[in-house]
Amino acid sequence: MNAGATLQPRPTQRPNHQWEYLSPGDGVEVCLGDLQYAGWVDAVGDRGHLIWVIENGTAGRRLFLRGDGVTLCPI
């Protein structure tokens, strides 16, 4: 994914509950409580039980575990 590209959330997309099918570079909307932002999948590990997401705009990288309660929707 181009680092200068801007991702826009599409709230009508369905959440992806099968993280093992996400690939590096896939655009996602991250929702966790009041936290909501667009980003890119950086890496998926442990058969989809953990995922690294790079936030669009800040390029901050964050690790999420399946049990964290995060929702990922494709963009």
Protein backbone atom coordinates (compact mmCIF):
# COMPACT_ATOMS: atom_id res chain seq x y z
CA MET A 1 0.00 0.00 0.00
CA ASN A 2 1.30 3.46 -0.86
CA ALA A 3 2.33 5.29 2.33
CA GLY A 4 0.92 8.54 0.93
CA ALA A 5 -2.49 7.05 0.17
CA THR A 6 -5.43 7.93 2.37
CA LEU A 7 -7.88 5.27 3.48
CA GLN A 8 -11.46 6.20 4.19
CA PRO A 9 -13.60 4.00 6.48
CA ARG A 10 -16.71 2.50 4.95
CA PRO A 11 -19.02 1.84 7.90
CA THR A 12 -21.31 -0.39 5.83
CA GLN A 13 -18.62 -3.08 5.47
CA ARG A 14 -19.02 -6.24 7.53
CA PRO A 15 -16.43 -7.02 10.19
CA ASN A 16 -13.78 -9.57 9.29
CA HIS A 17 -13.71 -12.14 12.09
CA GLN A 18 -11.29 -14.45 10.29
CA TRP A 19 -8.03 -12.56 10.61
CA GLU A 20 -6.07 -15.47 9.12
CA TYR A 21 -7.51 -14.48 5.72
CA LEU A 22 -6.22 -10.90 5.95
CA SER A 23 -2.92 -10.14 4.22
CA PRO A 24 -0.25 -7.49 4.65
CA GLY A 25 -1.32 -4.37 2.78
CA ASP A 26 -5.06 -4.97 3.23
CA GLY A 27 -6.93 -1.82 4.28
CA VAL A 28 -8.99 -2.12 7.47
CA GLU A 29 -11.07 0.04 9.76
CA VAL A 30 -10.15 -0.62 13.39
CA CYS A 31 -12.88 -0.26 16.03
CA LEU A 32 -12.14 -0.80 19.71
CA GLY A 33 -14.45 1.01 22.11
CA ASP A 34 -14.18 4.73 21.30
CA LEU A 35 -11.06 4.13 19.21
CA GLN A 36 -11.75 4.11 15.47
CA TYR A 37 -9.28 4.62 12.63
CA ALA A 38 -8.28 3.39 9.19
CA GLY A 39 -5.06 1.49 8.67
CA TRP A 40 -3.23 -1.29 6.88
CA VAL A 41 -2.53 -4.83 7.96
CA ASP A 42 1.22 -5.11 8.53
CA ALA A 43 1.38 -8.75 9.62
CA VAL A 44 -0.88 -11.61 10.73
CA GLY A 45 0.49 -14.26 13.06
CA ASP A 46 -0.35 -17.29 15.14
CA ARG A 47 -2.93 -18.57 12.61
CA GLY A 48 -4.92 -15.33 12.77
CA HIS A 49 -4.92 -14.93 16.56
CA LEU A 50 -2.82 -11.78 16.42
CA ILE A 51 -2.50 -8.95 13.94
CA TRP A 52 -0.31 -5.89 13.50
CA VAL A 53 -2.01 -2.80 12.03
CA ILE A 54 -0.32 0.42 10.88
CA GLU A 55 -2.52 3.46 11.49
CA ASN A 56 -3.20 5.67 8.48
CA GLY A 57 -1.87 9.18 9.07
CA THR A 58 0.45 8.54 12.02
CA ALA A 59 2.08 5.32 10.79
CA GLY A 60 1.90 4.04 14.39
CA ARG A 61 2.01 0.24 14.55
CA ARG A 62 -0.25 -1.59 16.98
CA LEU A 63 -0.64 -5.23 17.95
CA PHE A 64 -4.10 -6.68 18.52
CA LEU A 65 -4.93 -10.11 19.90
CA ARG A 66 -8.11 -11.99 19.03
CA GLY A 67 -9.42 -11.60 22.60
CA ASP A 68 -8.92 -7.81 22.72
CA GLY A 69 -12.44 -7.13 21.46
CA VAL A 70 -11.23 -5.23 18.38
CA THR A 71 -13.37 -5.25 15.24
CA LEU A 72 -11.70 -5.04 11.85
CA CYS A 73 -13.73 -4.10 8.77
CA PRO A 74 -12.26 -4.23 5.27
CA ILE A 75 -11.87 -0.94 3.44
